[in-house]
Protein backbone atom coordinates (compact mmCIF):
# COMPACT_ATOMS: atom_id res chain seq x y z
CA MET A 1 25.14 -44.96 124.23
CA GLU A 2 28.88 -45.05 124.86
CA ASP A 3 29.55 -44.15 121.22
CA SER A 4 27.18 -41.21 121.49
CA ARG A 5 28.85 -39.96 124.66
CA PHE A 6 32.24 -40.22 122.93
CA VAL A 7 31.00 -38.20 119.93
CA ASN A 8 29.47 -35.54 122.18
CA ASN A 9 32.65 -35.22 124.25
CA LEU A 10 34.74 -35.14 121.09
CA PHE A 11 32.68 -32.24 119.75
CA PHE A 12 32.90 -30.30 123.01
CA PHE A 13 36.60 -30.82 123.72
CA THR A 14 37.58 -30.15 120.10
CA VAL A 15 35.93 -26.74 120.41
CA LEU A 16 37.79 -26.08 123.68
CA ILE A 17 41.13 -27.07 122.11
CA LEU A 18 40.55 -24.81 119.09
CA MET A 19 39.57 -21.94 121.38
CA GLY A 20 42.65 -22.52 123.54
CA ILE A 21 44.88 -22.48 120.46
CA GLY A 22 43.10 -19.33 119.36
CA ILE A 23 43.74 -17.47 122.62
CA VAL A 24 47.44 -18.36 122.52
CA MET A 25 47.81 -17.41 118.86
CA VAL A 26 45.83 -14.19 119.25
CA PHE A 27 48.35 -13.11 121.89
CA SER A 28 51.31 -14.23 119.80
CA SER A 29 50.08 -12.45 116.67
CA SER A 30 48.73 -9.26 118.25
CA SER A 31 51.00 -8.23 121.11
CA LEU A 32 53.16 -5.84 119.09
CA ILE A 33 50.16 -4.35 117.33
CA ALA A 34 48.48 -3.89 120.71
CA VAL A 35 51.53 -2.07 122.08
CA LYS A 36 51.59 0.27 119.09
CA ARG A 37 47.84 1.00 119.08
CA TYR A 38 46.93 0.84 122.77
CA ASP A 39 50.24 0.81 124.65
CA ASP A 40 49.19 -2.53 126.13
CA GLY A 41 50.59 -5.76 124.71
CA TYR A 42 47.84 -7.76 126.41
CA TYR A 43 44.97 -5.68 124.98
CA PHE A 44 43.66 -8.20 122.43
CA LEU A 45 44.45 -11.16 124.69
CA LYS A 46 42.34 -9.71 127.51
CA LYS A 47 39.43 -8.94 125.20
CA GLN A 48 39.55 -12.39 123.59
CA ALA A 49 39.65 -14.02 127.02
CA PHE A 50 36.62 -11.94 128.04
CA PHE A 51 34.75 -12.98 124.87
CA ALA A 52 35.64 -16.62 125.55
CA PHE A 53 34.37 -16.34 129.13
CA ALA A 54 31.10 -14.71 127.99
CA GLY A 55 30.72 -17.33 125.28
CA ILE A 56 31.28 -20.20 127.71
CA ILE A 57 28.55 -18.82 129.98
CA LEU A 58 26.14 -18.76 127.01
CA LEU A 59 27.30 -22.24 125.98
CA LEU A 60 26.44 -23.61 129.42
CA ARG A 61 23.08 -21.80 129.37
CA PHE A 62 22.04 -23.09 125.96
CA MET A 63 23.38 -26.56 126.72
CA ARG A 64 20.70 -26.77 129.42
CA LEU A 65 17.97 -25.00 127.45
CA ASP A 66 15.82 -27.43 125.46
CA TYR A 67 16.60 -26.61 121.82
CA ARG A 68 12.95 -27.28 120.93
CA LEU A 69 12.01 -24.06 122.74
CA LEU A 70 13.67 -22.21 119.86
CA ARG A 71 10.67 -23.23 117.74
CA ASP A 72 8.49 -20.88 119.79
CA LYS A 73 11.00 -18.03 119.46
CA VAL A 74 11.81 -18.40 115.77
CA TYR A 75 9.91 -15.34 114.54
CA PRO A 76 11.08 -12.98 117.33
CA ILE A 77 14.68 -14.10 116.71
CA LEU A 78 14.32 -13.59 112.97
CA GLY A 79 12.55 -10.26 113.47
CA VAL A 80 15.22 -8.90 115.81
CA SER A 81 17.91 -9.99 113.38
CA LEU A 82 16.23 -8.20 110.45
CA VAL A 83 15.72 -5.02 112.50
CA LEU A 84 19.38 -5.00 113.54
CA LEU A 85 20.50 -5.48 109.92
CA ILE A 86 18.43 -2.42 108.98
CA LEU A 87 19.54 -0.29 111.93
CA VAL A 88 23.23 -0.92 111.30
CA LEU A 89 22.85 0.76 107.90
CA ILE A 90 21.64 4.03 109.45
CA PRO A 91 24.36 6.67 109.92
CA GLY A 92 24.79 7.55 113.57
CA ILE A 93 23.61 4.12 114.69
CA GLY A 94 25.80 1.73 112.73
CA VAL A 95 29.56 2.30 112.93
CA LYS A 96 31.38 2.83 109.65
CA VAL A 97 34.89 1.44 109.35
CA GLY A 98 36.54 2.11 106.02
CA HIS A 99 33.81 1.78 103.41
CA ALA A 100 31.70 -0.69 105.40
CA ARG A 101 28.95 -0.11 107.96
CA ARG A 102 28.69 -3.48 109.72
CA TRP A 103 28.98 -2.86 113.46
CA PHE A 104 27.30 -1.40 116.50
CA ARG A 105 29.63 0.09 119.12
CA ILE A 106 28.44 -0.33 122.71
CA TYR A 107 30.61 0.68 125.68
CA GLY A 108 33.83 0.00 123.80
CA PHE A 109 32.66 -3.33 122.38
CA SER A 110 31.59 -3.98 118.80
CA PHE A 111 28.66 -6.15 117.78
CA GLN A 112 28.19 -7.41 114.22
CA PRO A 113 24.51 -8.20 113.52
CA ALA A 114 25.36 -10.32 110.48
CA GLU A 115 26.74 -12.96 112.86
CA LEU A 116 23.35 -13.18 114.59
CA ALA A 117 21.64 -13.28 111.18
CA LYS A 118 23.50 -16.49 110.33
CA LEU A 119 22.09 -18.24 113.38
CA ALA A 120 18.64 -16.70 112.87
CA ILE A 121 18.31 -18.03 109.32
CA ILE A 122 19.43 -21.49 110.48
CA ILE A 123 16.81 -21.58 113.25
CA PHE A 124 14.10 -20.39 110.87
CA LEU A 125 14.99 -22.92 108.18
CA ALA A 126 15.10 -25.76 110.71
CA TYR A 127 11.62 -24.78 111.88
CA SER A 128 10.15 -24.18 108.43
CA LEU A 129 11.66 -27.23 106.72
CA GLU A 130 10.34 -29.52 109.45
CA LYS A 131 6.91 -27.90 109.28
CA LYS A 132 6.75 -28.24 105.48
CA GLU A 133 8.24 -31.71 105.31
CA LYS A 134 5.30 -33.19 103.36
CA HIS A 135 5.38 -30.35 100.83
CA ILE A 136 9.14 -29.98 100.51
CA LYS A 137 9.06 -30.88 96.80
CA SER A 138 6.60 -28.06 96.09
CA PHE A 139 8.12 -24.96 94.51
CA SER A 140 5.68 -22.53 96.14
CA ILE A 141 5.82 -24.10 99.62
CA GLY A 142 9.08 -25.98 100.03
CA PHE A 143 11.40 -23.74 98.02
CA LEU A 144 10.25 -20.22 97.18
CA PRO A 145 9.59 -18.86 100.74
CA HIS A 146 13.02 -19.97 101.94
CA ILE A 147 14.83 -18.52 98.95
CA ALA A 148 12.87 -15.28 99.29
CA LEU A 149 13.93 -14.85 102.92
CA ALA A 150 17.52 -15.73 102.06
CA GLY A 151 17.37 -13.11 99.29
CA LEU A 152 16.18 -10.46 101.76
CA LEU A 153 19.01 -11.20 104.18
CA PHE A 154 21.46 -11.32 101.28
CA CYS A 155 20.45 -7.85 100.11
CA LEU A 156 20.56 -6.30 103.60
CA ILE A 157 24.04 -7.68 104.24
CA LEU A 158 25.20 -6.70 100.76
CA LEU A 159 24.24 -3.09 101.52
CA GLN A 160 26.77 -2.96 104.39
CA PRO A 161 28.59 -4.07 102.13
CA ASP A 162 29.67 -7.58 103.16
CA PHE A 163 29.66 -9.71 100.03
CA GLY A 164 31.45 -12.63 101.68
CA THR A 165 28.95 -13.02 104.53
CA ALA A 166 26.05 -12.68 102.08
CA VAL A 167 27.48 -15.52 99.98
CA MET A 168 28.05 -17.56 103.15
CA ILE A 169 24.38 -17.27 104.11
CA ALA A 170 23.38 -18.31 100.59
CA LEU A 171 25.58 -21.41 100.87
CA ILE A 172 24.10 -22.38 104.25
CA VAL A 173 20.57 -22.04 102.83
CA PHE A 174 21.44 -24.25 99.85
CA VAL A 175 22.99 -26.91 102.11
CA LEU A 176 19.88 -27.09 104.29
CA LEU A 177 17.47 -27.09 101.35
CA PHE A 178 19.46 -29.91 99.76
CA ALA A 179 19.49 -31.88 103.03
CA ALA A 180 15.72 -31.41 103.37
CA GLY A 181 15.10 -32.90 99.93
CA VAL A 182 14.15 -29.85 97.87
CA ARG A 183 14.10 -30.69 94.16
CA THR A 184 17.62 -30.61 92.75
CA SER A 185 16.39 -28.85 89.61
CA TYR A 186 15.25 -25.88 91.73
CA LEU A 187 18.61 -25.69 93.49
CA VAL A 188 20.64 -26.05 90.29
CA GLY A 189 18.55 -23.47 88.46
CA THR A 190 18.68 -20.96 91.30
CA GLY A 191 22.36 -21.68 91.86
CA THR A 192 23.11 -20.94 88.21
CA VAL A 193 21.21 -17.66 88.32
CA ALA A 194 22.88 -16.76 91.64
CA ALA A 195 26.34 -17.52 90.23
CA CYS A 196 25.66 -15.21 87.28
CA GLY A 197 24.43 -12.55 89.70
CA PHE A 198 27.54 -12.92 91.87
CA LEU A 199 29.73 -12.57 88.78
CA MET A 200 27.91 -9.38 87.76
CA LEU A 201 28.32 -7.97 91.28
CA ILE A 202 32.05 -8.66 91.05
CA LEU A 203 32.51 -7.27 87.52
CA CYS A 204 30.48 -4.14 88.22
CA THR A 205 32.26 -3.27 91.48
CA GLY A 206 35.82 -2.05 91.16
CA TYR A 207 37.29 -3.34 94.41
CA ARG A 208 35.67 -6.77 94.02
CA LEU A 209 37.01 -7.11 90.48
CA LYS A 210 40.42 -6.04 91.76
CA ARG A 211 40.29 -8.79 94.39
CA LEU A 212 39.42 -11.39 91.76
CA LEU A 213 42.26 -10.32 89.45
CA THR A 214 44.65 -10.25 92.40
CA PHE A 215 43.57 -13.78 93.35
CA LEU A 216 44.46 -14.99 89.85
CA ASP A 217 47.96 -13.47 90.03
CA PRO A 218 48.82 -11.98 93.44
CA TRP A 219 52.52 -11.66 92.60
CA SER A 220 51.80 -9.24 89.77
CA ASN A 221 51.33 -6.49 92.37
CA PRO A 222 52.88 -7.73 95.63
CA ARG A 223 53.10 -4.24 97.15
CA GLY A 224 49.59 -3.22 96.15
CA ALA A 225 46.45 -5.29 95.71
CA GLY A 226 48.33 -8.56 96.21
CA TYR A 227 50.04 -7.47 99.43
CA GLN A 228 47.89 -9.43 101.89
CA ILE A 229 47.98 -12.75 100.11
CA THR A 230 51.68 -12.56 99.19
CA GLN A 231 52.60 -11.82 102.82
CA SER A 232 50.39 -14.72 103.88
CA LEU A 233 52.12 -17.08 101.47
CA LEU A 234 55.52 -15.86 102.66
CA ALA A 235 54.45 -16.72 106.20
CA PHE A 236 53.53 -20.27 105.21
CA GLY A 237 56.76 -20.64 103.26
CA SER A 238 58.88 -19.40 106.17
CA GLY A 239 57.30 -21.88 108.57
CA GLY A 240 58.40 -25.01 106.73
CA PHE A 241 57.52 -28.30 108.36
CA TRP A 242 58.18 -27.57 112.05
CA GLY A 243 57.74 -23.80 112.09
CA MET A 244 59.93 -21.02 113.48
CA GLY A 245 58.67 -21.53 117.02
CA LEU A 246 55.80 -20.03 118.97
CA GLY A 247 56.24 -16.26 119.15
CA ASN A 248 59.10 -16.19 116.64
CA GLY A 249 57.12 -15.37 113.50
CA ARG A 250 58.24 -12.37 111.43
CA GLN A 251 55.26 -11.64 109.17
CA LYS A 252 53.20 -10.45 112.13
CA LEU A 253 55.77 -7.68 112.66
CA PHE A 254 53.62 -5.16 110.75
CA TYR A 255 54.00 -7.02 107.43
CA LEU A 256 50.84 -9.13 107.49
CA PRO A 257 47.76 -6.90 107.99
CA GLU A 258 45.51 -7.88 110.92
CA PRO A 259 47.37 -11.12 111.69
CA HIS A 260 45.19 -11.83 114.74
CA THR A 261 41.91 -11.86 112.78
CA ASP A 262 41.50 -12.99 109.16
CA PHE A 263 45.10 -14.18 108.69
CA ILE A 264 45.75 -15.88 112.01
CA LEU A 265 46.22 -19.21 110.21
CA SER A 266 49.19 -17.66 108.37
CA VAL A 267 50.82 -16.91 111.73
CA ILE A 268 50.11 -20.47 112.86
CA GLY A 269 51.74 -21.75 109.66
CA GLU A 270 54.83 -19.62 110.18
CA GLU A 271 55.29 -20.31 113.89
CA LEU A 272 54.04 -23.91 114.15
CA GLY A 273 54.76 -25.02 110.59
CA LEU A 274 53.01 -27.62 108.46
CA ILE A 275 52.52 -29.79 111.53
CA GLY A 276 50.53 -26.98 113.17
CA ILE A 277 48.35 -26.49 110.08
CA PHE A 278 47.76 -30.24 109.91
CA ALA A 279 46.67 -30.24 113.57
CA ILE A 280 44.16 -27.45 112.85
CA LEU A 281 42.80 -29.36 109.85
CA VAL A 282 42.41 -32.54 111.92
CA LEU A 283 40.62 -30.66 114.69
CA PHE A 284 38.13 -29.12 112.26
CA PHE A 285 37.60 -32.50 110.59
CA LEU A 286 36.80 -34.07 113.96
CA LEU A 287 34.54 -31.16 114.88
CA LEU A 288 32.54 -31.28 111.65
CA ASN A 289 32.32 -35.06 111.61
CA SER A 290 31.05 -35.20 115.20
CA GLY A 291 28.67 -32.30 114.46
CA ILE A 292 27.13 -34.21 111.57
CA MET A 293 26.78 -37.35 113.70
CA ILE A 294 25.05 -35.39 116.48
CA SER A 295 22.67 -33.86 113.91
CA LEU A 296 21.73 -37.17 112.36
CA LYS A 297 20.93 -38.65 115.77
CA ALA A 298 18.65 -35.77 116.77
CA ARG A 299 15.24 -36.71 118.13
CA ASP A 300 13.33 -34.76 115.47
CA LEU A 301 13.83 -33.08 112.10
CA PHE A 302 14.04 -29.66 113.72
CA GLY A 303 17.08 -30.83 115.69
CA THR A 304 18.62 -32.47 112.63
CA TYR A 305 18.29 -29.37 110.44
CA LEU A 306 19.39 -27.09 113.27
CA GLY A 307 22.49 -29.20 113.90
CA LEU A 308 23.33 -29.49 110.21
CA GLY A 309 22.93 -25.74 109.79
CA ILE A 310 25.27 -24.95 112.68
CA THR A 311 27.80 -27.53 111.48
CA SER A 312 27.60 -26.10 107.96
CA LEU A 313 28.13 -22.59 109.30
CA ILE A 314 31.32 -23.61 111.10
CA GLY A 315 32.55 -25.70 108.18
CA ILE A 316 31.88 -23.09 105.48
CA GLU A 317 33.55 -20.32 107.49
CA ALA A 318 36.59 -22.51 108.16
CA VAL A 319 36.94 -23.56 104.50
CA ILE A 320 36.59 -19.97 103.26
CA ASN A 321 39.13 -18.63 105.75
CA MET A 322 41.65 -21.38 104.99
CA GLY A 323 41.10 -21.00 101.26
CA VAL A 324 41.71 -17.24 101.40
CA VAL A 325 44.89 -17.32 103.48
CA MET A 326 46.35 -20.11 101.33
CA GLY A 327 45.56 -18.29 98.09
CA LEU A 328 42.92 -20.79 96.98
CA LEU A 329 40.04 -18.27 97.16
CA PRO A 330 39.80 -14.51 96.53
CA THR A 331 40.59 -12.31 99.52
CA LYS A 332 37.57 -11.87 101.77
CA GLY A 333 37.33 -10.87 105.41
CA SER A 334 36.39 -14.08 107.22
CA THR A 335 37.45 -15.33 110.63
CA LEU A 336 38.61 -18.83 111.46
CA PRO A 337 35.93 -20.16 113.86
CA PHE A 338 37.01 -20.34 117.53
CA VAL A 339 40.59 -19.33 116.61
CA SER A 340 40.55 -15.79 115.16
CA TYR A 341 40.12 -12.70 117.31
CA GLY A 342 36.54 -11.42 117.20
CA GLY A 343 33.95 -11.02 119.92
CA THR A 344 30.65 -11.43 118.08
CA SER A 345 31.84 -14.41 116.08
CA LEU A 346 33.27 -16.26 119.09
CA VAL A 347 30.29 -15.62 121.37
CA ILE A 348 27.71 -16.63 118.74
CA LYS A 349 29.71 -19.74 117.81
CA LEU A 350 29.93 -20.84 121.46
CA MET A 351 26.19 -20.28 121.79
CA CYS A 352 25.79 -22.58 118.78
CA VAL A 353 27.97 -25.19 120.49
CA GLY A 354 25.64 -25.08 123.49
CA ILE A 355 22.67 -25.69 121.19
CA MET A 356 24.49 -28.63 119.58
CA LEU A 357 25.24 -30.19 122.95
CA ASN A 358 21.58 -29.86 123.93
CA ILE A 359 20.55 -31.54 120.67
CA ALA A 360 22.98 -34.32 121.57
CA SER A 361 21.39 -34.74 125.01
CA HIS A 362 17.99 -35.33 123.39
CA GLU A 363 19.10 -37.82 120.75
CA ARG A 364 16.97 -40.75 119.72
CA ARG A 365 17.62 -43.58 122.14
CA ASN A 366 17.09 -46.29 119.54
CA LEU A 367 20.18 -45.30 117.57
């Protein structure tokens, strides 16, 4: 019991530490941008603090709400998520920024339905995989329905377009199907077909192909397609081991685009150095490890799959973000969980933390 309490506390306080680091670094990386855009250096800090406060309220609510009640709400949650993904594509309802239509704008705040879709598919899979446990090896029962739903969500998100989030959902689905014991041959076969499909989507879309080629050699066009990643790498290089000091980074001075969102880790690397990056890596390792332990100790399979899905979501997003900013993956808009600026992402993630803590409170007592 003491070990379980330690793991639960470790999970909770690791999230709080990451969120605290995020609030500090959002202010450090965004103050000058905020002055230029809104004539208020605290603009992004105040909004992030508000999102954190709202997220903490939801965390506390879901921490006390029996996670098993989500079984009864699985179809309404999934239905609402699908409707929102459709509505956001309609001009006049969804807000278009650049070439993407991914947001709703409500009273000055933006809401991204794809973030809710990630949680919705996790809840549905946890429910369905538990229900079909005895038939999980069956193609028509244990595999096809889940892949079909994932395909529907994939297509709706791809229409926004948001290729990175669509791929992220596909990865979460594969992780949960593998954990549930779906035949490996089904996963390998579908994964091969999906990889070929992803490649075709990249080759047939100009800007995606450009991102891939830039990833292979970003320094070939450092002022054009390779600008983001080269500026990110310069930030890491400037930071060295100890960093330039909190607030003293230079790449955030209108060199690195959106340093408070997708590339906040670059600012951390420049200002806090290798030691700061190592601390972030350790915190995410502790978070994911404790998340897996909570999931495996859940009272039922629904709790186990739900916990593993949430842990996978956090882990996959963190790996993708870190890979992009370090030049290990092609450029893709993805936030660093609990650290990057972003209302929908932070609020949904804190809601997920509340669900995880409730799963932990209902663990099997014989473990």
